């Protein structure tokens, strides 16, 4: 049976048979058979290849379907786990699809907001129902800034409200977790943390702080009023006593007047101690930062205490290490008060002995050591001696006197300056008080005492016919001040309030004004401002104004100076301080108008 010829070969034979010319038939037929077999083998190989490719394609399709099915299942499993996690958590969670403009929240948040489960797979606009209108603009603005890339994170404290209108606070935090091909955010998830309790605590703390501030202001006002109300009559008592001393008195009257003077001084010291403690505790005590010499400071205190030490037959010995830089910068007045209390106590409790005052410097601190040879303190009282109104052993009060305020004030003053105070003692042998203060040393300063005018060295002839305007509403204080001023040949005019002072200064010229601060109608601050305005407008001549105030609260001095006063004296008025201040300003005002 002849082999079937390949269709391609048949076409070629037909082409050859059409050609003219002779061909060896046998050779040609052999060639044809070989070519035909080659074509047939190629077709078989092609069919086998196509079959193999079909099988491979089917397998790939099956594999692809399997992979896709597994991937879909994994996605479904992940979504299920995520959904279960969202529903299981106690946090409030939200998922925002920006492309669909819809928001999903978990069931716990739906319950909190009062929305049923089927109602709250909501559009973004619907979601805004949960945000109070007053908060919506703020929240949308923060979200927009975050989505635009102008903020690195989204976090905001805001309010939410349920259907019943109950408002609660949340900390809203969110993050973009999916973006489009061009980088635009398309999905954002986040949490709400309920901070309502924290906000309520903050509100209560704010109210408490406001109440505390109000109480502090009330206490400051009370202290100012108490200072004024107590110091004002004390000024009259002490001033009148000083005036009487200069009059003709017999020996019995002088003795009685001496008792009044001593009692007044004791009462004034008690008043000052109570006010000082109250001022420190309420933060109303002001401190200064001036340069002064510690050696002179300590010597001044010892000199003040000298009459008591002589009476007790007690010697006070001062020792300062050579390495100590005695010129420092701090509050000289407070340090003097600390030393006065401690050295004064040591002298009071030492009869026929010595009090040793040592000054040393170590590691940035100045160390004051006050050692006495007095009665000492029992160990069981050492822990109480810095308590207010507590002298430990009450028999000390009966024997030596005192209110129990000196040491508490000392401790408060030391704390105010950032230092510390300690005590050791042995009953019957004496006590050692140690104070450490962080004072700023000042190099290359002379230890010579500054030259201060005293009444004995003043050229009082400059006072003659100088006109003083005294502005004071208390008639007794007016009498006291006029009595002092009249001794120095001043021409004194007195008015009872600031408005009268303003009117009088338009009619008469004066060389100096003594201005009380708290007065009816117009106080001293307002009157001073009015007078300074008149001076600027060239309606009256320029002149110094010295404040006379019964208040000594933090800020009073600054208030006086900012109003336009040049100096500040507190009542009870001391004749020496008053006259020296008047002398300074009459001589120096034209040269130096800045307050000192």
Protein backbone atom coordinates (compact mmCIF):
# COMPACT_ATOMS: atom_id res chain seq x y z
CA UNK A 1 0.00 0.00 0.00
CA UNK A 2 1.48 3.29 -1.06
CA UNK A 3 2.27 5.76 1.80
CA UNK A 4 0.09 8.73 2.11
CA UNK A 5 1.90 11.86 0.94
CA UNK A 6 2.09 15.07 2.95
CA UNK A 7 -0.09 17.80 1.52
CA UNK A 8 2.86 20.16 1.36
CA UNK A 9 4.75 17.61 -0.75
CA UNK A 10 1.78 17.16 -3.07
CA UNK A 11 1.78 20.92 -3.75
CA UNK A 12 5.46 20.84 -4.55
CA UNK A 13 5.09 17.85 -6.94
CA UNK A 14 2.38 19.59 -8.79
CA UNK A 15 4.66 22.56 -9.25
CA UNK A 16 7.44 20.30 -10.57
CA UNK A 17 5.18 18.39 -12.98
CA UNK A 18 4.17 21.63 -14.56
CA UNK A 19 7.80 22.43 -15.30
CA UNK A 20 9.15 21.23 -18.68
CA UNK A 21 12.26 19.10 -18.66
CA UNK A 22 13.33 15.56 -17.85
CA UNK A 23 13.79 14.23 -14.24
CA UNK A 24 15.10 10.80 -13.13
CA UNK A 25 11.96 9.30 -11.88
CA UNK A 26 13.40 6.70 -9.47
CA UNK A 27 15.79 9.11 -7.80
CA UNK A 28 13.14 11.69 -7.61
CA UNK A 29 10.71 9.28 -5.95
CA UNK A 30 13.29 8.39 -3.31
CA UNK A 31 13.86 12.04 -2.62
CA UNK A 32 10.14 12.54 -2.38
CA UNK A 33 9.78 9.76 0.21
CA UNK A 34 12.51 11.22 2.41
CA UNK A 35 11.02 14.68 2.27
CA UNK A 36 7.56 13.31 2.98
CA UNK A 37 8.76 11.37 6.01
CA UNK A 38 10.45 14.52 7.33
CA UNK A 39 7.24 16.52 6.99
CA UNK A 40 5.21 13.80 8.69
CA UNK A 41 7.62 13.64 11.65
CA UNK A 42 7.42 17.43 12.02
CA UNK A 43 3.61 17.29 12.10
CA UNK A 44 3.70 14.58 14.74
CA UNK A 45 6.15 16.59 16.84
CA UNK A 46 3.96 19.67 16.47
CA UNK A 47 0.85 17.77 17.58
CA UNK A 48 2.74 16.37 20.56
CA UNK A 49 3.98 19.91 21.47
CA UNK A 50 0.48 21.37 21.18
CA UNK A 51 -0.86 18.56 23.34
CA UNK A 52 1.85 19.17 25.94
CA UNK A 53 1.16 22.90 25.90
CA UNK A 54 -2.54 22.25 26.39
CA UNK A 55 -1.83 20.00 29.35
CA UNK A 56 0.55 22.62 30.84
CA UNK A 57 -1.98 25.40 30.29
CA UNK A 58 -4.65 23.38 32.03
CA UNK A 59 -2.34 22.72 34.95
CA UNK A 60 -1.41 26.43 35.18
CA UNK A 61 -5.06 27.43 35.12
CA UNK A 62 -5.83 24.95 37.86
CA UNK A 63 -2.86 26.19 39.90
CA UNK A 64 -3.90 29.80 39.39
CA UNK A 65 -7.43 29.03 40.50
CA UNK A 66 -6.05 27.23 43.53
CA UNK A 67 -3.74 30.13 44.45
CA UNK A 68 -6.53 32.66 43.94
CA UNK A 69 -8.88 30.57 46.04
CA UNK A 70 -6.31 30.26 48.82
CA UNK A 71 -5.54 33.99 48.66
CA UNK A 72 -9.22 34.85 48.82
CA UNK A 73 -9.60 32.55 51.78
CA UNK A 74 -6.64 34.14 53.53
CA UNK A 75 -8.11 37.59 52.93
CA UNK A 76 -11.45 36.39 54.26
CA UNK A 77 -9.72 34.84 57.28
CA UNK A 78 -7.73 38.02 57.92
CA UNK A 79 -10.84 40.15 57.61
CA UNK A 80 -12.69 37.80 59.93
CA UNK A 81 -9.86 37.92 62.48
CA UNK A 82 -9.72 41.72 62.17
CA UNK A 83 -13.47 41.96 62.58
CA UNK A 84 -13.40 39.66 65.61
CA UNK A 85 -10.55 41.70 67.09
CA UNK A 86 -12.43 44.93 66.49
CA UNK A 87 -15.54 43.60 68.17
CA UNK A 88 -13.65 41.92 71.01
CA UNK A 89 -11.62 44.99 72.05
CA UNK A 90 -12.82 47.37 74.74
CA UNK A 91 -11.49 50.34 72.79
CA UNK A 92 -13.57 52.41 70.42
CA UNK A 93 -12.34 51.71 66.88
CA UNK A 94 -13.18 53.26 63.53
CA UNK A 95 -12.31 52.44 59.91
CA UNK A 96 -12.78 55.15 57.29
CA UNK A 97 -12.99 54.28 53.58
CA UNK A 98 -12.26 57.62 51.90
CA UNK A 99 -13.01 56.33 48.40
CA UNK A 100 -16.50 55.18 49.40
CA UNK A 101 -16.89 57.97 51.97
CA UNK A 102 -18.10 55.51 54.58
CA UNK A 103 -17.11 54.85 58.18
CA UNK A 104 -17.24 51.56 60.05
CA UNK A 105 -17.11 51.46 63.86
CA UNK A 106 -17.08 48.51 66.21
CA UNK A 107 -20.12 47.47 68.24
CA UNK A 108 -18.84 48.86 71.53
CA UNK A 109 -18.69 52.34 70.03
CA UNK A 110 -22.12 51.91 68.47
CA UNK A 111 -23.48 50.98 71.88
CA UNK A 112 -21.74 53.97 73.46
CA UNK A 113 -23.20 56.34 70.90
CA UNK A 114 -26.61 54.72 71.11
CA UNK A 115 -26.79 53.60 67.45
CA UNK A 116 -28.22 50.14 66.65
CA UNK A 117 -25.85 47.69 64.95
CA UNK A 118 -27.67 47.69 61.59
CA UNK A 119 -27.72 51.46 61.43
CA UNK A 120 -24.09 52.28 61.68
CA UNK A 121 -22.08 51.24 58.69
CA UNK A 122 -22.49 54.83 57.78
CA UNK A 123 -21.56 57.42 55.23
CA UNK A 124 -19.08 60.04 56.43
CA UNK A 125 -21.75 62.73 56.58
CA UNK A 126 -23.89 60.48 58.71
CA UNK A 127 -20.96 59.87 61.02
CA UNK A 128 -20.77 63.61 61.75
CA UNK A 129 -23.99 63.19 63.75
CA UNK A 130 -21.87 61.80 66.58
CA UNK A 131 -19.69 64.95 66.71
CA UNK A 132 -21.15 68.09 68.31
CA UNK A 133 -21.50 70.95 65.84
CA UNK A 134 -19.14 73.07 67.91
CA UNK A 135 -16.42 70.41 67.43
CA UNK A 136 -16.95 69.49 63.76
CA UNK A 137 -14.92 72.32 62.23
CA UNK A 138 -11.96 71.63 64.53
CA UNK A 139 -11.98 67.87 63.83
CA UNK A 140 -12.34 68.25 60.05
CA UNK A 141 -9.56 70.81 59.99
CA UNK A 142 -7.18 68.47 61.83
CA UNK A 143 -8.08 65.52 59.58
CA UNK A 144 -7.59 67.63 56.44
CA UNK A 145 -4.19 68.87 57.54
CA UNK A 146 -3.11 65.28 58.23
CA UNK A 147 -4.41 63.89 54.93
CA UNK A 148 -2.70 66.74 53.03
CA UNK A 149 0.62 65.82 54.67
CA UNK A 150 0.86 69.06 56.63
CA UNK A 151 0.82 67.14 59.92
CA UNK A 152 2.87 64.03 60.65
CA UNK A 153 0.20 62.43 62.81
CA UNK A 154 -3.49 62.75 63.54
CA UNK A 155 -4.33 63.18 67.22
CA UNK A 156 -6.96 65.39 68.78
CA UNK A 157 -8.97 65.67 71.98
CA UNK A 158 -12.62 66.11 71.09
CA UNK A 159 -16.17 65.58 72.26
CA UNK A 160 -18.69 62.97 71.07
CA UNK A 161 -22.40 62.91 71.75
CA UNK A 162 -24.94 60.10 71.71
CA UNK A 163 -28.57 60.25 70.56
CA UNK A 164 -29.63 61.31 74.06
CA UNK A 165 -27.31 64.30 73.92
CA UNK A 166 -24.83 63.07 76.53
CA UNK A 167 -21.39 64.48 75.79
CA UNK A 168 -18.17 62.61 76.56
CA UNK A 169 -14.51 63.32 75.82
CA UNK A 170 -12.25 61.12 73.67
CA UNK A 171 -8.66 61.16 72.47
CA UNK A 172 -8.99 60.56 68.73
CA UNK A 173 -5.94 59.01 67.03
CA UNK A 174 -5.75 57.80 63.44
CA UNK A 175 -3.39 56.69 60.67
CA UNK A 176 -3.55 56.20 56.89
CA UNK A 177 -3.11 52.48 56.14
CA UNK A 178 -3.85 52.37 52.40
CA UNK A 179 -3.13 54.68 49.48
CA UNK A 180 -4.00 54.71 45.77
CA UNK A 181 -1.47 54.19 42.96
CA UNK A 182 -0.90 57.94 42.79
CA UNK A 183 -0.30 58.15 46.55
CA UNK A 184 -3.66 59.53 47.65
CA UNK A 185 -5.00 58.25 51.02
CA UNK A 186 -7.93 55.87 50.51
CA UNK A 187 -8.26 54.24 53.92
CA UNK A 188 -7.69 55.44 57.45
CA UNK A 189 -8.19 53.61 60.73
CA UNK A 190 -8.06 54.89 64.28
CA UNK A 191 -9.22 54.69 67.89
CA UNK A 192 -11.16 56.70 70.43
CA UNK A 193 -9.86 56.56 74.00
CA UNK A 194 -12.41 57.73 76.54
CA UNK A 195 -10.77 60.53 78.56
CA UNK A 196 -13.92 61.87 80.18
CA UNK A 197 -12.66 61.09 83.69
CA UNK A 198 -9.34 62.75 82.96
CA UNK A 199 -11.12 65.84 81.61
CA UNK A 200 -13.32 65.95 84.70
CA UNK A 201 -10.21 65.73 86.87
CA UNK A 202 -8.56 68.51 84.86
CA UNK A 203 -11.67 70.61 85.27
CA UNK A 204 -11.75 69.96 89.02
CA UNK A 205 -8.03 70.73 89.27
CA UNK A 206 -8.55 73.95 87.34
CA UNK A 207 -11.41 74.90 89.66
CA UNK A 208 -9.29 74.01 92.67
CA UNK A 209 -6.38 76.08 91.32
CA UNK A 210 -8.67 79.02 90.67
CA UNK A 211 -10.06 78.65 94.18
CA UNK A 212 -6.52 78.44 95.58
CA UNK A 213 -5.47 81.50 93.57
CA UNK A 214 -8.53 83.34 94.80
CA UNK A 215 -7.75 82.28 98.37
CA UNK A 216 -4.16 83.43 97.90
CA UNK A 217 -5.37 86.79 96.56
CA UNK A 218 -7.78 87.08 99.46
CA UNK A 219 -5.00 86.22 101.89
CA UNK A 220 -2.72 88.79 100.28
CA UNK A 221 -5.45 91.42 100.51
CA UNK A 222 -6.11 90.41 104.12
CA UNK A 223 -2.40 90.69 104.94
CA UNK A 224 -2.21 94.08 103.26
CA UNK A 225 -5.26 95.30 105.17
CA UNK A 226 -4.04 93.80 108.46
CA UNK A 227 -0.62 95.32 107.94
CA UNK A 228 -2.22 98.70 107.28
CA UNK A 229 -4.74 98.48 110.11
CA UNK A 230 -2.19 97.33 112.70
CA UNK A 231 0.77 99.45 111.66
CA UNK A 232 -1.31 102.61 111.43
CA UNK A 233 -2.21 102.80 115.15
CA UNK A 234 1.25 101.49 116.09
CA UNK A 235 2.71 104.42 114.16
CA UNK A 236 0.62 106.73 116.34
CA UNK A 237 1.67 105.04 119.58
CA UNK A 238 5.38 104.91 118.77
CA UNK A 239 5.40 108.36 117.16
CA UNK A 240 3.65 110.04 120.07
CA UNK A 241 5.96 108.27 122.51
CA UNK A 242 8.99 109.64 120.65
CA UNK A 243 7.49 113.12 120.68
CA UNK A 244 6.79 112.95 124.42
CA UNK A 245 10.39 111.95 125.11
CA UNK A 246 11.58 115.27 123.79
CA UNK A 247 9.23 117.22 126.11
CA UNK A 248 9.75 118.29 129.73
CA UNK A 249 9.11 115.24 131.92
CA UNK A 250 9.82 114.33 135.51
CA UNK A 251 11.66 111.13 136.37
CA UNK A 252 8.50 109.12 137.05
CA UNK A 253 7.00 110.21 133.72
CA UNK A 254 10.21 109.34 131.88
CA UNK A 255 10.20 105.90 133.50
CA UNK A 256 6.55 105.32 132.57
CA UNK A 257 7.19 106.53 129.03
CA UNK A 258 10.12 104.12 128.81
CA UNK A 259 7.76 101.24 129.67
CA UNK A 260 5.38 102.36 126.92
CA UNK A 261 8.24 102.55 124.42
CA UNK A 262 9.57 99.09 125.31
CA UNK A 263 6.11 97.56 125.23
CA UNK A 264 5.43 99.17 121.86
CA UNK A 265 8.70 97.81 120.46
CA UNK A 266 7.86 94.29 121.70
CA UNK A 267 4.34 94.49 120.28
CA UNK A 268 5.64 95.77 116.94
CA UNK A 269 8.16 92.93 116.77
CA UNK A 270 5.41 90.35 117.44
CA UNK A 271 3.22 91.95 114.78
CA UNK A 272 6.08 91.93 112.28
CA UNK A 273 6.86 88.28 113.07
CA UNK A 274 3.26 87.18 112.51
CA UNK A 275 3.02 89.16 109.29
CA UNK A 276 6.38 87.83 108.10
CA UNK A 277 5.31 84.21 108.59
CA UNK A 278 2.01 84.85 106.82
CA UNK A 279 3.76 86.63 103.95
CA UNK A 280 6.25 83.81 103.45
CA UNK A 281 3.59 81.08 103.57
CA UNK A 282 1.35 82.91 101.10
CA UNK A 283 4.23 83.75 98.75
CA UNK A 284 3.89 87.48 99.42
CA UNK A 285 7.41 87.98 100.79
CA UNK A 286 9.62 89.76 98.29
CA UNK A 287 13.40 89.36 98.20
CA UNK A 288 16.12 91.65 96.88
CA UNK A 289 19.41 90.85 95.20
CA UNK A 290 21.96 93.53 96.15
CA UNK A 291 25.67 93.63 96.83
CA UNK A 292 26.75 94.00 100.47
CA UNK A 293 29.51 93.05 102.88
CA UNK A 294 28.72 90.10 105.18
CA UNK A 295 31.27 91.26 107.74
CA UNK A 296 29.57 94.64 108.09
CA UNK A 297 26.17 92.91 108.09
CA UNK A 298 27.09 90.64 111.02
CA UNK A 299 28.76 93.49 112.94
CA UNK A 300 25.62 95.61 112.55
CA UNK A 301 23.50 92.82 114.07
CA UNK A 302 25.93 92.35 116.97
CA UNK A 303 25.85 96.09 117.64
CA UNK A 304 22.06 96.13 117.76
CA UNK A 305 22.07 93.24 120.26
CA UNK A 306 24.88 94.79 122.33
CA UNK A 307 22.63 96.32 125.05
CA UNK A 308 21.09 92.89 125.75
CA UNK A 309 24.47 91.14 125.74
CA UNK A 310 25.88 93.72 128.19
CA UNK A 311 22.89 93.26 130.47
CA UNK A 312 23.42 89.47 130.46
CA UNK A 313 27.18 89.84 130.93
CA UNK A 314 27.57 87.93 127.66
CA UNK A 315 30.29 88.52 125.11
CA UNK A 316 29.67 88.05 121.38
CA UNK A 317 32.79 87.02 119.46
CA UNK A 318 32.96 87.10 115.65
CA UNK A 319 35.35 84.92 113.64
CA UNK A 320 35.61 84.95 109.82
CA UNK A 321 37.94 82.60 107.94
CA UNK A 322 40.55 84.42 105.85
CA UNK A 323 39.52 82.47 102.74
CA UNK A 324 35.95 83.79 102.86
CA UNK A 325 34.85 86.31 100.20
CA UNK A 326 32.75 88.55 102.42
CA UNK A 327 31.30 90.68 99.67
CA UNK A 328 28.21 88.87 98.34
CA UNK A 329 25.00 89.40 96.40
CA UNK A 330 21.67 88.52 98.03
CA UNK A 331 19.00 89.97 100.33
CA UNK A 332 20.85 91.76 103.12
CA UNK A 333 17.67 92.56 105.08
CA UNK A 334 16.53 88.94 105.31
CA UNK A 335 20.04 87.72 106.23
CA UNK A 336 20.19 90.34 108.98
CA UNK A 337 16.83 89.13 110.29
CA UNK A 338 18.09 85.50 110.31
CA UNK A 339 21.24 86.49 112.20
CA UNK A 340 19.33 88.79 114.55
CA UNK A 341 16.99 85.96 115.54
CA UNK A 342 19.74 83.38 116.04
CA UNK A 343 22.34 85.62 117.72
CA UNK A 344 19.59 87.32 119.74
CA UNK A 345 18.32 83.94 120.97
CA UNK A 346 21.85 82.82 121.83
CA UNK A 347 22.43 86.01 123.87
CA UNK A 348 19.00 85.75 125.54
CA UNK A 349 19.67 82.24 126.81
CA UNK A 350 23.31 82.87 127.82
CA UNK A 351 24.01 84.48 131.17
CA UNK A 352 27.67 85.18 131.99
CA UNK A 353 29.20 83.39 129.04
CA UNK A 354 30.09 83.77 125.38
CA UNK A 355 28.34 83.54 122.05
CA UNK A 356 30.60 82.59 119.13
CA UNK A 357 29.64 83.65 115.60
CA UNK A 358 31.72 81.95 112.89
CA UNK A 359 31.56 82.46 109.11
CA UNK A 360 33.01 79.98 106.64
CA UNK A 361 32.66 79.25 102.92
CA UNK A 362 32.46 75.78 101.35
CA UNK A 363 31.32 74.38 97.99
CA UNK A 364 29.36 77.46 96.98
CA UNK A 365 27.65 77.85 100.36
CA UNK A 366 28.25 80.34 103.16
CA UNK A 367 28.10 78.65 106.56
CA UNK A 368 27.06 80.68 109.62
CA UNK A 369 27.63 78.93 112.95
CA UNK A 370 26.20 80.46 116.16
CA UNK A 371 27.40 78.66 119.28
CA UNK A 372 26.36 79.70 122.78
CA UNK A 373 27.22 78.69 126.35
CA UNK A 374 23.65 79.02 127.53
CA UNK A 375 21.07 76.71 129.08
CA UNK A 376 20.88 74.33 126.10
CA UNK A 377 17.87 72.42 124.82
CA UNK A 378 16.58 69.03 125.92
CA UNK A 379 16.75 66.40 123.13
CA UNK A 380 13.00 65.79 123.30
CA UNK A 381 12.32 69.42 122.32
CA UNK A 382 14.81 69.70 119.44
CA UNK A 383 12.29 68.48 116.83
CA UNK A 384 9.74 71.11 117.87
CA UNK A 385 11.72 74.32 118.17
CA UNK A 386 11.13 75.30 114.54
CA UNK A 387 7.34 74.93 114.94
CA UNK A 388 5.27 78.09 115.11
CA UNK A 389 4.31 79.25 118.62
CA UNK A 390 6.19 76.28 120.12
CA UNK A 391 9.15 76.89 122.43
CA UNK A 392 9.54 73.24 123.33
CA UNK A 393 9.91 73.70 127.08
CA UNK A 394 7.17 76.15 128.16
CA UNK A 395 9.21 77.06 131.22
CA UNK A 396 11.59 78.89 128.85
CA UNK A 397 8.75 81.23 127.93
CA UNK A 398 8.08 82.05 131.55
CA UNK A 399 11.78 82.58 132.39
CA UNK A 400 13.15 84.18 129.23
CA UNK A 401 10.03 85.49 127.44
CA UNK A 402 9.19 85.31 123.76
CA UNK A 403 6.40 84.10 121.48
CA UNK A 404 8.03 81.08 119.88
CA UNK A 405 8.04 82.77 116.47
CA UNK A 406 11.72 83.66 116.06
CA UNK A 407 13.01 80.24 115.01
CA UNK A 408 10.07 79.35 112.72
CA UNK A 409 10.57 82.69 110.95
CA UNK A 410 14.29 81.99 110.72
CA UNK A 411 13.66 78.61 109.11
CA UNK A 412 11.17 80.13 106.65
CA UNK A 413 13.64 82.88 105.74
CA UNK A 414 16.43 80.33 105.23
CA UNK A 415 14.15 78.22 103.01
CA UNK A 416 13.15 81.34 101.08
CA UNK A 417 16.82 81.93 100.22
CA UNK A 418 17.32 78.29 99.22
CA UNK A 419 19.38 77.32 102.27
CA UNK A 420 19.04 75.05 105.28
CA UNK A 421 19.26 75.40 109.08
CA UNK A 422 20.12 72.80 111.70
CA UNK A 423 20.65 72.66 115.48
CA UNK A 424 22.53 70.51 117.98
CA UNK A 425 22.34 71.05 121.70
CA UNK A 426 23.17 69.61 125.10
CA UNK A 427 21.13 70.56 128.10
CA UNK A 428 23.10 72.74 130.50
CA UNK A 429 26.01 73.28 128.08
CA UNK A 430 24.62 75.32 125.21
CA UNK A 431 23.42 75.07 121.61
CA UNK A 432 24.90 75.27 118.11
CA UNK A 433 22.82 76.60 115.21
CA UNK A 434 24.20 76.22 111.70
CA UNK A 435 22.85 78.03 108.63
CA UNK A 436 23.99 77.28 105.08
CA UNK A 437 23.07 79.81 102.39
CA UNK A 438 23.89 79.73 98.64
CA UNK A 439 25.13 83.32 98.36
CA UNK A 440 26.78 84.72 95.24
CA UNK A 441 30.32 85.96 96.01
CA UNK A 442 31.41 89.28 94.52
CA UNK A 443 35.13 89.56 93.76
CA UNK A 444 37.39 92.63 94.03
CA UNK A 445 35.20 94.62 96.40
CA UNK A 446 36.37 96.74 99.31
CA UNK A 447 35.11 95.81 102.77
CA UNK A 448 34.87 99.42 103.89
CA UNK A 449 31.50 100.42 105.23
CA UNK A 450 29.47 102.57 102.87
CA UNK A 451 29.11 106.16 103.92
CA UNK A 452 25.59 106.73 105.16
CA UNK A 453 24.34 110.03 106.46
CA UNK A 454 23.14 109.99 110.07
CA UNK A 455 21.04 112.62 111.78
CA UNK A 456 24.10 113.85 113.64
CA UNK A 457 26.02 114.54 110.42
CA UNK A 458 23.22 116.01 108.30
CA UNK A 459 23.34 119.68 107.38
CA UNK A 460 19.84 120.43 108.63
CA UNK A 461 20.12 124.04 107.51
CA UNK A 462 19.00 122.86 104.04
CA UNK A 463 15.59 122.07 105.58
CA UNK A 464 14.80 125.62 106.58
CA UNK A 465 11.66 126.93 104.89
CA UNK A 466 11.44 123.86 102.63
CA UNK A 467 7.81 123.18 101.84
CA UNK A 468 6.51 119.67 102.50
CA UNK A 469 3.06 118.46 101.44
CA UNK A 470 1.89 115.71 103.79
CA UNK A 471 -0.91 113.55 102.33
CA UNK A 472 -2.33 111.41 105.15
CA UNK A 473 -5.90 110.45 106.07
CA UNK A 474 -5.21 109.35 109.66
CA UNK A 475 -5.23 112.37 112.01
CA UNK A 476 -2.91 110.75 114.59
CA UNK A 477 -0.35 109.84 111.94
CA UNK A 478 -0.62 113.40 110.64
CA UNK A 479 0.17 114.74 114.13
CA UNK A 480 3.15 112.37 114.47
CA UNK A 481 4.61 113.28 111.09
CA UNK A 482 4.07 117.04 111.58
CA UNK A 483 5.70 116.88 115.02
CA UNK A 484 8.82 115.29 113.49
CA UNK A 485 8.92 117.67 110.53
CA UNK A 486 8.38 120.77 112.66
CA UNK A 487 11.52 119.96 114.67
CA UNK A 488 13.53 120.51 111.46
CA UNK A 489 11.89 123.81 110.48
CA UNK A 490 9.94 122.45 107.52
CA UNK A 491 6.87 124.31 106.33
CA UNK A 492 4.23 121.56 106.38
CA UNK A 493 0.85 121.54 104.65
CA UNK A 494 -1.40 118.55 105.30
CA UNK A 495 -4.37 117.15 103.33
CA UNK A 496 -6.46 114.04 103.93
CA UNK A 497 -6.63 112.37 100.50
CA UNK A 498 -5.09 112.29 97.04
CA UNK A 499 -7.71 114.50 95.39
CA UNK A 500 -7.05 117.30 97.88
CA UNK A 501 -3.32 116.92 97.18
CA UNK A 502 -3.83 117.24 93.41
CA UNK A 503 -5.94 120.39 93.87
CA UNK A 504 -3.54 121.97 96.36
CA UNK A 505 -0.44 121.38 94.25
CA UNK A 506 -2.08 123.37 91.44
CA UNK A 507 -2.34 126.33 93.79
CA UNK A 508 0.94 126.09 95.72
CA UNK A 509 4.49 124.94 95.00
CA UNK A 510 6.23 122.37 97.21
CA UNK A 511 9.72 120.92 97.51
CA UNK A 512 8.64 117.36 98.38
CA UNK A 513 5.49 115.28 98.93
CA UNK A 514 5.03 112.64 101.64
CA UNK A 515 2.27 110.43 100.20
CA UNK A 516 0.20 107.86 102.08
CA UNK A 517 -0.97 105.03 99.81
CA UNK A 518 -4.33 103.86 101.16
CA UNK A 519 -6.76 106.78 101.46
CA UNK A 520 -10.43 107.45 100.70
CA UNK A 521 -11.68 109.42 97.65
CA UNK A 522 -8.35 109.08 95.79
CA UNK A 523 -5.48 106.85 96.96
CA UNK A 524 -1.81 107.73 96.82
CA UNK A 525 -1.10 105.71 93.66
CA UNK A 526 -3.74 107.52 91.59
CA UNK A 527 -2.79 110.89 93.05
CA UNK A 528 0.89 110.33 92.16
CA UNK A 529 -0.02 109.42 88.57
CA UNK A 530 -2.14 112.58 88.28
CA UNK A 531 0.69 114.74 89.64
CA UNK A 532 3.26 113.16 87.30
CA UNK A 533 0.94 113.85 84.36
CA UNK A 534 0.60 117.48 85.46
CA UNK A 535 4.40 117.72 85.65
CA UNK A 536 4.79 116.31 82.14
CA UNK A 537 2.27 118.86 80.87
CA UNK A 538 4.24 121.63 82.64
CA UNK A 539 1.30 122.58 84.81
CA UNK A 540 3.32 122.21 88.05
CA UNK A 541 7.01 122.06 88.95
CA UNK A 542 8.77 118.70 89.18
CA UNK A 543 9.38 117.37 92.70
CA UNK A 544 10.16 114.11 94.56
CA UNK A 545 7.36 111.99 96.06
CA UNK A 546 8.11 109.67 99.00
CA UNK A 547 5.59 106.93 99.83
CA UNK A 548 4.52 106.45 103.44
CA UNK A 549 2.66 103.15 103.68
CA UNK A 550 1.47 100.83 106.42
CA UNK A 551 1.58 97.91 103.96
CA UNK A 552 4.68 95.82 103.43
CA UNK A 553 3.45 93.08 101.11
CA UNK A 554 5.29 91.73 98.07
CA UNK A 555 4.77 94.04 95.13
CA UNK A 556 3.89 97.16 97.16
CA UNK A 557 7.28 98.76 96.57
CA UNK A 558 7.12 98.10 92.81
CA UNK A 559 3.56 99.43 92.76
CA UNK A 560 4.68 102.67 94.40
CA UNK A 561 7.64 103.14 92.07
CA UNK A 562 5.64 102.32 88.94
CA UNK A 563 3.05 104.91 89.98
CA UNK A 564 5.81 107.55 89.94
CA UNK A 565 6.96 107.68 93.56
CA UNK A 566 10.69 107.97 94.21
CA UNK A 567 11.12 106.27 97.59
CA UNK A 568 9.23 103.90 99.88
CA UNK A 569 9.01 104.05 103.69
CA UNK A 570 6.91 101.71 105.82
CA UNK A 571 5.06 102.61 108.99
CA UNK A 572 5.64 102.95 111.87
CA UNK A 573 7.74 105.84 110.62
CA UNK A 574 11.20 106.03 112.19
CA UNK A 575 12.37 109.64 112.54
CA UNK A 576 15.89 108.82 111.39
CA UNK A 577 14.70 107.03 108.23
CA UNK A 578 12.20 109.77 107.38
CA UNK A 579 14.61 112.68 107.77
CA UNK A 580 17.47 110.92 105.96
CA UNK A 581 15.16 110.09 103.04
CA UNK A 582 13.90 113.68 102.83
CA UNK A 583 17.49 114.96 102.99
CA UNK A 584 18.60 112.63 100.19
CA UNK A 585 15.80 113.60 97.81
CA UNK A 586 16.00 117.34 98.49
CA UNK A 587 19.72 117.24 97.71
CA UNK A 588 19.83 114.68 94.90
CA UNK A 589 16.50 114.78 93.07
CA UNK A 590 17.55 117.21 90.40
CA UNK A 591 20.74 115.19 89.81
CA UNK A 592 19.21 111.74 89.92
CA UNK A 593 15.48 111.14 89.44
CA UNK A 594 15.68 107.36 89.57
CA UNK A 595 14.22 105.64 92.61
CA UNK A 596 16.49 104.07 95.20
